[in-house]
Amino acid sequence: MMNILEEIPEQVNITISKKELMEFAQFLIDETLKKSNSAQKRILNIEEAAEFCRITPRTIYKKTSLGLIPHYKQAGQLYFKVDELEKWLTKNKGFNKEEISKRAATYNLNQHY
């Protein structure tokens, strides 16, 4: 997928008011701080966990009710540990062609006909 910014010409002339520029700068600062704070946070609520996992809160609820995702419940609220979510997200590693070929060769060598 091509980055939309790559489609912008090298030189762009636009007019923007000082107020609009200040609002945009504040937006960038707020978003950066939000991402920084959530990256440092060790325990997340359901909305933060959904954003961290890049899935919807509804999917998080469903996975917790089925016992598929590590979670904690306190006073009727769901909480998630960042390190456990990271382990959960990375537990089913996909393999590249080279790894698949090696596993297939090893499997074939270990088979007794």
PDB file of N, CA and C in Angstrom:
ATOM      1  N   MET A   1       0.843  -1.182   0.000  1.00  0.00           N
ATOM      2  CA  MET A   1       0.000   0.000   0.000  1.00  0.00           C
ATOM      3  C   MET A   1       0.885   1.241   0.000  1.00  0.00           C
ATOM      4  N   MET A   2       0.638   2.150  -0.879  1.00  0.00           N
ATOM      5  CA  MET A   2       1.455   3.348  -1.023  1.00  0.00           C
ATOM      6  C   MET A   2       1.064   4.390   0.024  1.00  0.00           C
ATOM      7  N   ASN A   3       2.059   5.014   0.602  1.00  0.00           N
ATOM      8  CA  ASN A   3       1.822   6.092   1.549  1.00  0.00           C
ATOM      9  C   ASN A   3       1.247   7.278   0.785  1.00  0.00           C
ATOM     10  N   ILE A   4       0.134   7.788   1.266  1.00  0.00           N
ATOM     11  CA  ILE A   4      -0.552   8.890   0.570  1.00  0.00           C
ATOM     12  C   ILE A   4       0.336  10.135   0.472  1.00  0.00           C
ATOM     13  N   LEU A   5       1.237  10.296   1.415  1.00  0.00           N
ATOM     14  CA  LEU A   5       2.125  11.464   1.382  1.00  0.00           C
ATOM     15  C   LEU A   5       3.105  11.397   0.218  1.00  0.00           C
ATOM     16  N   GLU A   6       3.398  10.199  -0.269  1.00  0.00           N
ATOM     17  CA  GLU A   6       4.308  10.064  -1.397  1.00  0.00           C
ATOM     18  C   GLU A   6       3.697  10.610  -2.683  1.00  0.00           C
ATOM     19  N   GLU A   7       2.378  10.726  -2.723  1.00  0.00           N
ATOM     20  CA  GLU A   7       1.691  11.223  -3.913  1.00  0.00           C
ATOM     21  C   GLU A   7       1.690  12.745  -3.993  1.00  0.00           C
ATOM     22  N   ILE A   8       2.059  13.413  -2.933  1.00  0.00           N
ATOM     23  CA  ILE A   8       2.086  14.873  -2.909  1.00  0.00           C
ATOM     24  C   ILE A   8       3.316  15.355  -3.680  1.00  0.00           C
ATOM     25  N   PRO A   9       3.152  16.354  -4.526  1.00  0.00           N
ATOM     26  CA  PRO A   9       4.300  16.882  -5.273  1.00  0.00           C
ATOM     27  C   PRO A   9       5.394  17.402  -4.327  1.00  0.00           C
ATOM     28  N   GLU A  10       6.611  17.500  -4.857  1.00  0.00           N
ATOM     29  CA  GLU A  10       7.743  17.957  -4.061  1.00  0.00           C
ATOM     30  C   GLU A  10       7.514  19.353  -3.482  1.00  0.00           C
ATOM     31  N   GLN A  11       6.945  20.237  -4.267  1.00  0.00           N
ATOM     32  CA  GLN A  11       6.655  21.582  -3.785  1.00  0.00           C
ATOM     33  C   GLN A  11       5.155  21.786  -3.730  1.00  0.00           C
ATOM     34  N   VAL A  12       4.696  22.199  -2.553  1.00  0.00           N
ATOM     35  CA  VAL A  12       3.277  22.445  -2.347  1.00  0.00           C
ATOM     36  C   VAL A  12       3.140  23.834  -1.737  1.00  0.00           C
ATOM     37  N   ASN A  13       2.312  24.646  -2.341  1.00  0.00           N
ATOM     38  CA  ASN A  13       2.053  25.976  -1.811  1.00  0.00           C
ATOM     39  C   ASN A  13       0.636  26.000  -1.263  1.00  0.00           C
ATOM     40  N   ILE A  14       0.534  26.221   0.045  1.00  0.00           N
ATOM     41  CA  ILE A  14      -0.775  26.311   0.667  1.00  0.00           C
ATOM     42  C   ILE A  14      -0.798  27.514   1.596  1.00  0.00           C
ATOM     43  N   THR A  15      -1.981  27.964   1.859  1.00  0.00           N
ATOM     44  CA  THR A  15      -2.150  29.052   2.816  1.00  0.00           C
ATOM     45  C   THR A  15      -2.869  28.482   4.022  1.00  0.00           C
ATOM     46  N   ILE A  16      -2.287  28.720   5.179  1.00  0.00           N
ATOM     47  CA  ILE A  16      -2.866  28.217   6.418  1.00  0.00           C
ATOM     48  C   ILE A  16      -2.768  29.326   7.451  1.00  0.00           C
ATOM     49  N   SER A  17      -3.800  29.470   8.219  1.00  0.00           N
ATOM     50  CA  SER A  17      -3.774  30.534   9.227  1.00  0.00           C
ATOM     51  C   SER A  17      -2.906  30.098  10.407  1.00  0.00           C
ATOM     52  N   LYS A  18      -2.448  31.080  11.150  1.00  0.00           N
ATOM     53  CA  LYS A  18      -1.639  30.796  12.333  1.00  0.00           C
ATOM     54  C   LYS A  18      -2.445  29.931  13.303  1.00  0.00           C
ATOM     55  N   LYS A  19      -3.726  30.210  13.454  1.00  0.00           N
ATOM     56  CA  LYS A  19      -4.585  29.439  14.350  1.00  0.00           C
ATOM     57  C   LYS A  19      -4.658  27.975  13.909  1.00  0.00           C
ATOM     58  N   GLU A  20      -4.850  27.750  12.597  1.00  0.00           N
ATOM     59  CA  GLU A  20      -4.910  26.383  12.082  1.00  0.00           C
ATOM     60  C   GLU A  20      -3.593  25.648  12.297  1.00  0.00           C
ATOM     61  N   LEU A  21      -2.498  26.354  12.087  1.00  0.00           N
ATOM     62  CA  LEU A  21      -1.173  25.762  12.297  1.00  0.00           C
ATOM     63  C   LEU A  21      -0.965  25.400  13.760  1.00  0.00           C
ATOM     64  N   MET A  22      -1.367  26.277  14.654  1.00  0.00           N
ATOM     65  CA  MET A  22      -1.228  26.024  16.099  1.00  0.00           C
ATOM     66  C   MET A  22      -2.109  24.837  16.521  1.00  0.00           C
ATOM     67  N   GLU A  23      -3.322  24.766  15.974  1.00  0.00           N
ATOM     68  CA  GLU A  23      -4.219  23.656  16.301  1.00  0.00           C
ATOM     69  C   GLU A  23      -3.637  22.336  15.799  1.00  0.00           C
ATOM     70  N   PHE A  24      -3.072  22.359  14.610  1.00  0.00           N
ATOM     71  CA  PHE A  24      -2.471  21.143  14.064  1.00  0.00           C
ATOM     72  C   PHE A  24      -1.254  20.721  14.890  1.00  0.00           C
ATOM     73  N   ALA A  25      -0.441  21.679  15.260  1.00  0.00           N
ATOM     74  CA  ALA A  25       0.725  21.377  16.089  1.00  0.00           C
ATOM     75  C   ALA A  25       0.291  20.778  17.431  1.00  0.00           C
ATOM     76  N   GLN A  26      -0.744  21.334  18.029  1.00  0.00           N
ATOM     77  CA  GLN A  26      -1.243  20.807  19.298  1.00  0.00           C
ATOM     78  C   GLN A  26      -1.790  19.388  19.123  1.00  0.00           C
ATOM     79  N   PHE A  27      -2.475  19.151  18.015  1.00  0.00           N
ATOM     80  CA  PHE A  27      -2.982  17.814  17.712  1.00  0.00           C
ATOM     81  C   PHE A  27      -1.831  16.811  17.638  1.00  0.00           C
ATOM     82  N   LEU A  28      -0.764  17.174  16.923  1.00  0.00           N
ATOM     83  CA  LEU A  28       0.392  16.282  16.811  1.00  0.00           C
ATOM     84  C   LEU A  28       1.030  16.013  18.170  1.00  0.00           C
ATOM     85  N   ILE A  29       1.145  17.039  18.984  1.00  0.00           N
ATOM     86  CA  ILE A  29       1.705  16.885  20.327  1.00  0.00           C
ATOM     87  C   ILE A  29       0.831  15.963  21.161  1.00  0.00           C
ATOM     88  N   ASP A  30      -0.482  16.182  21.141  1.00  0.00           N
ATOM     89  CA  ASP A  30      -1.413  15.358  21.911  1.00  0.00           C
ATOM     90  C   ASP A  30      -1.351  13.892  21.491  1.00  0.00           C
ATOM     91  N   GLU A  31      -1.325  13.649  20.191  1.00  0.00           N
ATOM     92  CA  GLU A  31      -1.276  12.271  19.682  1.00  0.00           C
ATOM     93  C   GLU A  31       0.039  11.596  20.071  1.00  0.00           C
ATOM     94  N   THR A  32       1.135  12.333  19.987  1.00  0.00           N
ATOM     95  CA  THR A  32       2.437  11.782  20.367  1.00  0.00           C
ATOM     96  C   THR A  32       2.461  11.438  21.847  1.00  0.00           C
ATOM     97  N   LEU A  33       1.946  12.335  22.675  1.00  0.00           N
ATOM     98  CA  LEU A  33       1.895  12.070  24.117  1.00  0.00           C
ATOM     99  C   LEU A  33       0.983  10.888  24.435  1.00  0.00           C
ATOM    100  N   LYS A  34      -0.137  10.790  23.742  1.00  0.00           N
ATOM    101  CA  LYS A  34      -1.074   9.694  23.960  1.00  0.00           C
ATOM    102  C   LYS A  34      -0.398   8.354  23.668  1.00  0.00           C
ATOM    103  N   LYS A  35       0.311   8.288  22.539  1.00  0.00           N
ATOM    104  CA  LYS A  35       0.999   7.054  22.170  1.00  0.00           C
ATOM    105  C   LYS A  35       2.133   6.761  23.133  1.00  0.00           C
ATOM    106  N   SER A  36       2.847   7.778  23.556  1.00  0.00           N
ATOM    107  CA  SER A  36       3.951   7.606  24.498  1.00  0.00           C
ATOM    108  C   SER A  36       3.446   7.094  25.834  1.00  0.00           C
ATOM    109  N   ASN A  37       2.360   7.689  26.331  1.00  0.00           N
ATOM    110  CA  ASN A  37       1.802   7.266  27.620  1.00  0.00           C
ATOM    111  C   ASN A  37       1.289   5.841  27.571  1.00  0.00           C
ATOM    112  N   SER A  38       0.613   5.457  26.488  1.00  0.00           N
ATOM    113  CA  SER A  38       0.088   4.094  26.418  1.00  0.00           C
ATOM    114  C   SER A  38       1.211   3.084  26.238  1.00  0.00           C
ATOM    115  N   ALA A  39       2.317   3.479  25.611  1.00  0.00           N
ATOM    116  CA  ALA A  39       3.445   2.573  25.457  1.00  0.00           C
ATOM    117  C   ALA A  39       4.116   2.315  26.801  1.00  0.00           C
ATOM    118  N   GLN A  40       4.109   3.294  27.682  1.00  0.00           N
ATOM    119  CA  GLN A  40       4.745   3.148  28.985  1.00  0.00           C
ATOM    120  C   GLN A  40       3.809   2.510  30.002  1.00  0.00           C
ATOM    121  N   LYS A  41       2.542   2.552  29.742  1.00  0.00           N
ATOM    122  CA  LYS A  41       1.547   2.023  30.647  1.00  0.00           C
ATOM    123  C   LYS A  41       1.646   0.505  30.676  1.00  0.00           C
ATOM    124  N   ARG A  42       1.543  -0.087  31.851  1.00  0.00           N
ATOM    125  CA  ARG A  42       1.679  -1.535  31.970  1.00  0.00           C
ATOM    126  C   ARG A  42       0.344  -2.244  32.065  1.00  0.00           C
ATOM    127  N   ILE A  43      -0.689  -1.541  32.552  1.00  0.00           N
ATOM    128  CA  ILE A  43      -2.021  -2.124  32.667  1.00  0.00           C
ATOM    129  C   ILE A  43      -2.989  -1.247  31.875  1.00  0.00           C
ATOM    130  N   LEU A  44      -3.772  -1.898  31.006  1.00  0.00           N
ATOM    131  CA  LEU A  44      -4.662  -1.173  30.111  1.00  0.00           C
ATOM    132  C   LEU A  44      -6.121  -1.499  30.400  1.00  0.00           C
ATOM    133  N   ASN A  45      -6.996  -0.530  30.157  1.00  0.00           N
ATOM    134  CA  ASN A  45      -8.432  -0.812  30.221  1.00  0.00           C
ATOM    135  C   ASN A  45      -8.845  -1.406  28.869  1.00  0.00           C
ATOM    136  N   ILE A  46     -10.115  -1.703  28.718  1.00  0.00           N
ATOM    137  CA  ILE A  46     -10.551  -2.402  27.502  1.00  0.00           C
ATOM    138  C   ILE A  46     -10.347  -1.586  26.232  1.00  0.00           C
ATOM    139  N   GLU A  47     -10.599  -0.288  26.298  1.00  0.00           N
ATOM    140  CA  GLU A  47     -10.409   0.550  25.107  1.00  0.00           C
ATOM    141  C   GLU A  47      -8.932   0.619  24.724  1.00  0.00           C
ATOM    142  N   GLU A  48      -8.080   0.780  25.727  1.00  0.00           N
ATOM    143  CA  GLU A  48      -6.639   0.846  25.462  1.00  0.00           C
ATOM    144  C   GLU A  48      -6.131  -0.500  24.941  1.00  0.00           C
ATOM    145  N   ALA A  49      -6.634  -1.596  25.503  1.00  0.00           N
ATOM    146  CA  ALA A  49      -6.228  -2.928  25.044  1.00  0.00           C
ATOM    147  C   ALA A  49      -6.659  -3.153  23.597  1.00  0.00           C
ATOM    148  N   ALA A  50      -7.870  -2.713  23.268  1.00  0.00           N
ATOM    149  CA  ALA A  50      -8.357  -2.856  21.897  1.00  0.00           C
ATOM    150  C   ALA A  50      -7.475  -2.068  20.929  1.00  0.00           C
ATOM    151  N   GLU A  51      -7.129  -0.851  21.304  1.00  0.00           N
ATOM    152  CA  GLU A  51      -6.253  -0.032  20.460  1.00  0.00           C
ATOM    153  C   GLU A  51      -4.872  -0.671  20.344  1.00  0.00           C
ATOM    154  N   PHE A  52      -4.351  -1.174  21.457  1.00  0.00           N
ATOM    155  CA  PHE A  52      -3.033  -1.812  21.477  1.00  0.00           C
ATOM    156  C   PHE A  52      -3.010  -3.022  20.540  1.00  0.00           C
ATOM    157  N   CYS A  53      -4.080  -3.817  20.574  1.00  0.00           N
ATOM    158  CA  CYS A  53      -4.165  -5.035  19.757  1.00  0.00           C
ATOM    159  C   CYS A  53      -4.680  -4.771  18.347  1.00  0.00           C
ATOM    160  N   ARG A  54      -5.138  -3.549  18.120  1.00  0.00           N
ATOM    161  CA  ARG A  54      -5.698  -3.144  16.826  1.00  0.00           C
ATOM    162  C   ARG A  54      -6.926  -3.982  16.457  1.00  0.00           C
ATOM    163  N   ILE A  55      -7.772  -4.198  17.464  1.00  0.00           N
ATOM    164  CA  ILE A  55      -9.058  -4.851  17.257  1.00  0.00           C
ATOM    165  C   ILE A  55     -10.106  -4.039  18.008  1.00  0.00           C
ATOM    166  N   THR A  56     -11.360  -4.322  17.790  1.00  0.00           N
ATOM    167  CA  THR A  56     -12.424  -3.541  18.411  1.00  0.00           C
ATOM    168  C   THR A  56     -12.645  -3.971  19.863  1.00  0.00           C
ATOM    169  N   PRO A  57     -13.166  -3.071  20.694  1.00  0.00           N
ATOM    170  CA  PRO A  57     -13.517  -3.457  22.067  1.00  0.00           C
ATOM    171  C   PRO A  57     -14.503  -4.628  22.086  1.00  0.00           C
ATOM    172  N   ARG A  58     -15.390  -4.672  21.116  1.00  0.00           N
ATOM    173  CA  ARG A  58     -16.348  -5.789  21.037  1.00  0.00           C
ATOM    174  C   ARG A  58     -15.621  -7.126  20.883  1.00  0.00           C
ATOM    175  N   THR A  59     -14.585  -7.149  20.052  1.00  0.00           N
ATOM    176  CA  THR A  59     -13.792  -8.369  19.861  1.00  0.00           C
ATOM    177  C   THR A  59     -13.061  -8.728  21.148  1.00  0.00           C
ATOM    178  N   ILE A  60     -12.561  -7.717  21.849  1.00  0.00           N
ATOM    179  CA  ILE A  60     -11.901  -7.957  23.135  1.00  0.00           C
ATOM    180  C   ILE A  60     -12.887  -8.607  24.109  1.00  0.00           C
ATOM    181  N   TYR A  61     -14.090  -8.043  24.218  1.00  0.00           N
ATOM    182  CA  TYR A  61     -15.105  -8.618  25.107  1.00  0.00           C
ATOM    183  C   TYR A  61     -15.384 -10.083  24.752  1.00  0.00           C
ATOM    184  N   LYS A  62     -15.532 -10.338  23.470  1.00  0.00           N
ATOM    185  CA  LYS A  62     -15.833 -11.698  23.021  1.00  0.00           C
ATOM    186  C   LYS A  62     -14.700 -12.654  23.392  1.00  0.00           C
ATOM    187  N   LYS A  63     -13.460 -12.234  23.159  1.00  0.00           N
ATOM    188  CA  LYS A  63     -12.314 -13.092  23.458  1.00  0.00           C
ATOM    189  C   LYS A  63     -12.145 -13.307  24.963  1.00  0.00           C
ATOM    190  N   THR A  64     -12.465 -12.313  25.764  1.00  0.00           N
ATOM    191  CA  THR A  64     -12.373 -12.505  27.217  1.00  0.00           C
ATOM    192  C   THR A  64     -13.462 -13.461  27.688  1.00  0.00           C
ATOM    193  N   SER A  65     -14.661 -13.339  27.150  1.00  0.00           N
ATOM    194  CA  SER A  65     -15.747 -14.222  27.583  1.00  0.00           C
ATOM    195  C   SER A  65     -15.487 -15.671  27.184  1.00  0.00           C
ATOM    196  N   LEU A  66     -14.731 -15.874  26.106  1.00  0.00           N
ATOM    197  CA  LEU A  66     -14.379 -17.222  25.669  1.00  0.00           C
ATOM    198  C   LEU A  66     -13.076 -17.717  26.303  1.00  0.00           C
ATOM    199  N   GLY A  67     -12.446 -16.851  27.095  1.00  0.00           N
ATOM    200  CA  GLY A  67     -11.184 -17.220  27.750  1.00  0.00           C
ATOM    201  C   GLY A  67     -10.011 -17.316  26.791  1.00  0.00           C
ATOM    202  N   LEU A  68     -10.063 -16.571  25.700  1.00  0.00           N
ATOM    203  CA  LEU A  68      -9.021 -16.635  24.686  1.00  0.00           C
ATOM    204  C   LEU A  68      -7.925 -15.590  24.842  1.00  0.00           C
ATOM    205  N   ILE A  69      -8.158 -14.607  25.689  1.00  0.00           N
ATOM    206  CA  ILE A  69      -7.190 -13.517  25.847  1.00  0.00           C
ATOM    207  C   ILE A  69      -6.944 -13.311  27.339  1.00  0.00           C
ATOM    208  N   PRO A  70      -5.682 -13.138  27.740  1.00  0.00           N
ATOM    209  CA  PRO A  70      -5.404 -12.942  29.171  1.00  0.00           C
ATOM    210  C   PRO A  70      -5.977 -11.620  29.670  1.00  0.00           C
ATOM    211  N   HIS A  71      -6.690 -11.696  30.794  1.00  0.00           N
ATOM    212  CA  HIS A  71      -7.324 -10.483  31.329  1.00  0.00           C
ATOM    213  C   HIS A  71      -7.570 -10.630  32.827  1.00  0.00           C
ATOM    214  N   TYR A  72      -7.916  -9.527  33.439  1.00  0.00           N
ATOM    215  CA  TYR A  72      -8.220  -9.465  34.867  1.00  0.00           C
ATOM    216  C   TYR A  72      -9.510  -8.680  35.023  1.00  0.00           C
ATOM    217  N   LYS A  73     -10.282  -9.046  36.036  1.00  0.00           N
ATOM    218  CA  LYS A  73     -11.538  -8.346  36.286  1.00  0.00           C
ATOM    219  C   LYS A  73     -11.517  -7.845  37.726  1.00  0.00           C
ATOM    220  N   GLN A  74     -11.779  -6.555  37.881  1.00  0.00           N
ATOM    221  CA  GLN A  74     -11.796  -5.926  39.203  1.00  0.00           C
ATOM    222  C   GLN A  74     -12.945  -4.936  39.222  1.00  0.00           C
ATOM    223  N   ALA A  75     -13.831  -5.070  40.168  1.00  0.00           N
ATOM    224  CA  ALA A  75     -14.974  -4.161  40.321  1.00  0.00           C
ATOM    225  C   ALA A  75     -15.774  -4.031  39.028  1.00  0.00           C
ATOM    226  N   GLY A  76     -15.944  -5.152  38.338  1.00  0.00           N
ATOM    227  CA  GLY A  76     -16.733  -5.161  37.115  1.00  0.00           C
ATOM    228  C   GLY A  76     -16.029  -4.600  35.889  1.00  0.00           C
ATOM    229  N   GLN A  77     -14.758  -4.240  36.018  1.00  0.00           N
ATOM    230  CA  GLN A  77     -13.994  -3.690  34.901  1.00  0.00           C
ATOM    231  C   GLN A  77     -12.946  -4.699  34.445  1.00  0.00           C
ATOM    232  N   LEU A  78     -12.677  -4.716  33.146  1.00  0.00           N
ATOM    233  CA  LEU A  78     -11.640  -5.588  32.596  1.00  0.00           C
ATOM    234  C   LEU A  78     -10.330  -4.821  32.481  1.00  0.00           C
ATOM    235  N   TYR A  79      -9.242  -5.519  32.813  1.00  0.00           N
ATOM    236  CA  TYR A  79      -7.900  -4.946  32.714  1.00  0.00           C
ATOM    237  C   TYR A  79      -6.978  -5.944  32.042  1.00  0.00           C
ATOM    238  N   PHE A  80      -5.949  -5.419  31.399  1.00  0.00           N
ATOM    239  CA  PHE A  80      -5.034  -6.240  30.630  1.00  0.00           C
ATOM    240  C   PHE A  80      -3.603  -5.791  30.883  1.00  0.00           C
ATOM    241  N   LYS A  81      -2.682  -6.753  31.039  1.00  0.00           N
ATOM    242  CA  LYS A  81      -1.267  -6.435  31.170  1.00  0.00           C
ATOM    243  C   LYS A  81      -0.645  -6.371  29.780  1.00  0.00           C
ATOM    244  N   VAL A  82       0.119  -5.322  29.536  1.00  0.00           N
ATOM    245  CA  VAL A  82       0.744  -5.118  28.233  1.00  0.00           C
ATOM    246  C   VAL A  82       1.614  -6.310  27.854  1.00  0.00           C
ATOM    247  N   ASP A  83       2.451  -6.779  28.787  1.00  0.00           N
ATOM    248  CA  ASP A  83       3.350  -7.883  28.447  1.00  0.00           C
ATOM    249  C   ASP A  83       2.579  -9.160  28.100  1.00  0.00           C
ATOM    250  N   GLU A  84       1.454  -9.412  28.758  1.00  0.00           N
ATOM    251  CA  GLU A  84       0.649 -10.586  28.439  1.00  0.00           C
ATOM    252  C   GLU A  84      -0.039 -10.436  27.081  1.00  0.00           C
ATOM    253  N   LEU A  85      -0.476  -9.219  26.760  1.00  0.00           N
ATOM    254  CA  LEU A  85      -1.074  -8.990  25.441  1.00  0.00           C
ATOM    255  C   LEU A  85      -0.027  -9.182  24.342  1.00  0.00           C
ATOM    256  N   GLU A  86       1.190  -8.717  24.590  1.00  0.00           N
ATOM    257  CA  GLU A  86       2.262  -8.902  23.609  1.00  0.00           C
ATOM    258  C   GLU A  86       2.524 -10.382  23.374  1.00  0.00           C
ATOM    259  N   LYS A  87       2.585 -11.165  24.457  1.00  0.00           N
ATOM    260  CA  LYS A  87       2.797 -12.614  24.320  1.00  0.00           C
ATOM    261  C   LYS A  87       1.636 -13.251  23.573  1.00  0.00           C
ATOM    262  N   TRP A  88       0.409 -12.839  23.898  1.00  0.00           N
ATOM    263  CA  TRP A  88      -0.765 -13.391  23.242  1.00  0.00           C
ATOM    264  C   TRP A  88      -0.754 -13.073  21.743  1.00  0.00           C
ATOM    265  N   LEU A  89      -0.394 -11.837  21.400  1.00  0.00           N
ATOM    266  CA  LEU A  89      -0.375 -11.421  19.997  1.00  0.00           C
ATOM    267  C   LEU A  89       0.688 -12.151  19.181  1.00  0.00           C
ATOM    268  N   THR A  90       1.771 -12.547  19.833  1.00  0.00           N
ATOM    269  CA  THR A  90       2.894 -13.141  19.101  1.00  0.00           C
ATOM    270  C   THR A  90       3.035 -14.645  19.315  1.00  0.00           C
ATOM    271  N   LYS A  91       2.047 -15.285  19.921  1.00  0.00           N
ATOM    272  CA  LYS A  91       2.204 -16.712  20.229  1.00  0.00           C
ATOM    273  C   LYS A  91       2.090 -17.617  19.006  1.00  0.00           C
ATOM    274  N   ASN A  92       1.382 -17.225  17.980  1.00  0.00           N
ATOM    275  CA  ASN A  92       1.240 -18.058  16.788  1.00  0.00           C
ATOM    276  C   ASN A  92       2.083 -17.495  15.651  1.00  0.00           C
ATOM    277  N   LYS A  93       3.363 -17.787  15.728  1.00  0.00           N
ATOM    278  CA  LYS A  93       4.297 -17.243  14.747  1.00  0.00           C
ATOM    279  C   LYS A  93       4.063 -17.854  13.372  1.00  0.00           C
ATOM    280  N   GLY A  94       4.047 -16.998  12.378  1.00  0.00           N
ATOM    281  CA  GLY A  94       3.993 -17.469  11.001  1.00  0.00           C
ATOM    282  C   GLY A  94       5.406 -17.785  10.530  1.00  0.00           C
ATOM    283  N   PHE A  95       5.524 -18.650   9.566  1.00  0.00           N
ATOM    284  CA  PHE A  95       6.840 -19.049   9.086  1.00  0.00           C
ATOM    285  C   PHE A  95       7.024 -18.601   7.641  1.00  0.00           C
ATOM    286  N   ASN A  96       8.265 -18.223   7.319  1.00  0.00           N
ATOM    287  CA  ASN A  96       8.555 -17.863   5.936  1.00  0.00           C
ATOM    288  C   ASN A  96       8.860 -19.140   5.144  1.00  0.00           C
ATOM    289  N   LYS A  97       9.015 -19.023   3.842  1.00  0.00           N
ATOM    290  CA  LYS A  97       9.213 -20.183   2.972  1.00  0.00           C
ATOM    291  C   LYS A  97      10.439 -20.997   3.365  1.00  0.00           C
ATOM    292  N   GLU A  98      11.510 -20.325   3.743  1.00  0.00           N
ATOM    293  CA  GLU A  98      12.736 -21.026   4.117  1.00  0.00           C
ATOM    294  C   GLU A  98      12.505 -21.885   5.368  1.00  0.00           C
ATOM    295  N   GLU A  99      11.828 -21.322   6.369  1.00  0.00           N
ATOM    296  CA  GLU A  99      11.543 -22.071   7.592  1.00  0.00           C
ATOM    297  C   GLU A  99      10.626 -23.259   7.310  1.00  0.00           C
ATOM    298  N   ILE A 100       9.651 -23.062   6.447  1.00  0.00           N
ATOM    299  CA  ILE A 100       8.738 -24.153   6.085  1.00  0.00           C
ATOM    300  C   ILE A 100       9.505 -25.265   5.378  1.00  0.00           C
ATOM    301  N   SER A 101      10.389 -24.901   4.469  1.00  0.00           N
ATOM    302  CA  SER A 101      11.186 -25.900   3.751  1.00  0.00           C
ATOM    303  C   SER A 101      12.064 -26.696   4.705  1.00  0.00           C
ATOM    304  N   LYS A 102      12.700 -26.006   5.652  1.00  0.00           N
ATOM    305  CA  LYS A 102      13.551 -26.690   6.635  1.00  0.00           C
ATOM    306  C   LYS A 102      12.732 -27.655   7.487  1.00  0.00           C
ATOM    307  N   ARG A 103      11.572 -27.202   7.940  1.00  0.00           N
ATOM    308  CA  ARG A 103      10.711 -28.069   8.759  1.00  0.00           C
ATOM    309  C   ARG A 103      10.229 -29.278   7.959  1.00  0.00           C
ATOM    310  N   ALA A 104       9.896 -29.052   6.689  1.00  0.00           N
ATOM    311  CA  ALA A 104       9.435 -30.153   5.843  1.00  0.00           C
ATOM    312  C   ALA A 104      10.556 -31.168   5.635  1.00  0.00           C
ATOM    313  N   ALA A 105      11.773 -30.671   5.384  1.00  0.00           N
ATOM    314  CA  ALA A 105      12.907 -31.577   5.180  1.00  0.00           C
ATOM    315  C   ALA A 105      13.187 -32.378   6.445  1.00  0.00           C
ATOM    316  N   THR A 106      13.163 -31.722   7.594  1.00  0.00           N
ATOM    317  CA  THR A 106      13.388 -32.408   8.864  1.00  0.00           C
ATOM    318  C   THR A 106      12.298 -33.442   9.118  1.00  0.00           C
ATOM    319  N   TYR A 107      11.073 -33.078   8.829  1.00  0.00           N
ATOM    320  CA  TYR A 107       9.937 -33.996   9.008  1.00  0.00           C
ATOM    321  C   TYR A 107      10.111 -35.222   8.130  1.00  0.00           C
ATOM    322  N   ASN A 108      10.473 -34.997   6.858  1.00  0.00           N
ATOM    323  CA  ASN A 108      10.648 -36.107   5.929  1.00  0.00           C
ATOM    324  C   ASN A 108      11.794 -37.009   6.339  1.00  0.00           C
ATOM    325  N   LEU A 109      12.876 -36.442   6.866  1.00  0.00           N
ATOM    326  CA  LEU A 109      14.019 -37.240   7.304  1.00  0.00           C
ATOM    327  C   LEU A 109      13.665 -38.091   8.538  1.00  0.00           C
ATOM    328  N   ASN A 110      12.760 -37.606   9.350  1.00  0.00           N
ATOM    329  CA  ASN A 110      12.404 -38.317  10.580  1.00  0.00           C
ATOM    330  C   ASN A 110      11.320 -39.378  10.366  1.00  0.00           C
ATOM    331  N   GLN A 111      10.742 -39.416   9.181  1.00  0.00           N
ATOM    332  CA  GLN A 111       9.688 -40.391   8.918  1.00  0.00           C
ATOM    333  C   GLN A 111      10.305 -41.755   8.615  1.00  0.00           C
ATOM    334  N   HIS A 112       9.723 -42.770   9.197  1.00  0.00           N
ATOM    335  CA  HIS A 112      10.190 -44.138   8.938  1.00  0.00           C
ATOM    336  C   HIS A 112       9.163 -44.816   8.048  1.00  0.00           C
ATOM    337  N   TYR A 113       9.604 -45.230   6.905  1.00  0.00           N
ATOM    338  CA  TYR A 113       8.690 -45.865   5.939  1.00  0.00           C
ATOM    339  C   TYR A 113       8.518 -47.320   6.228  1.00  0.00           C
TER     340      TYR A 113
END
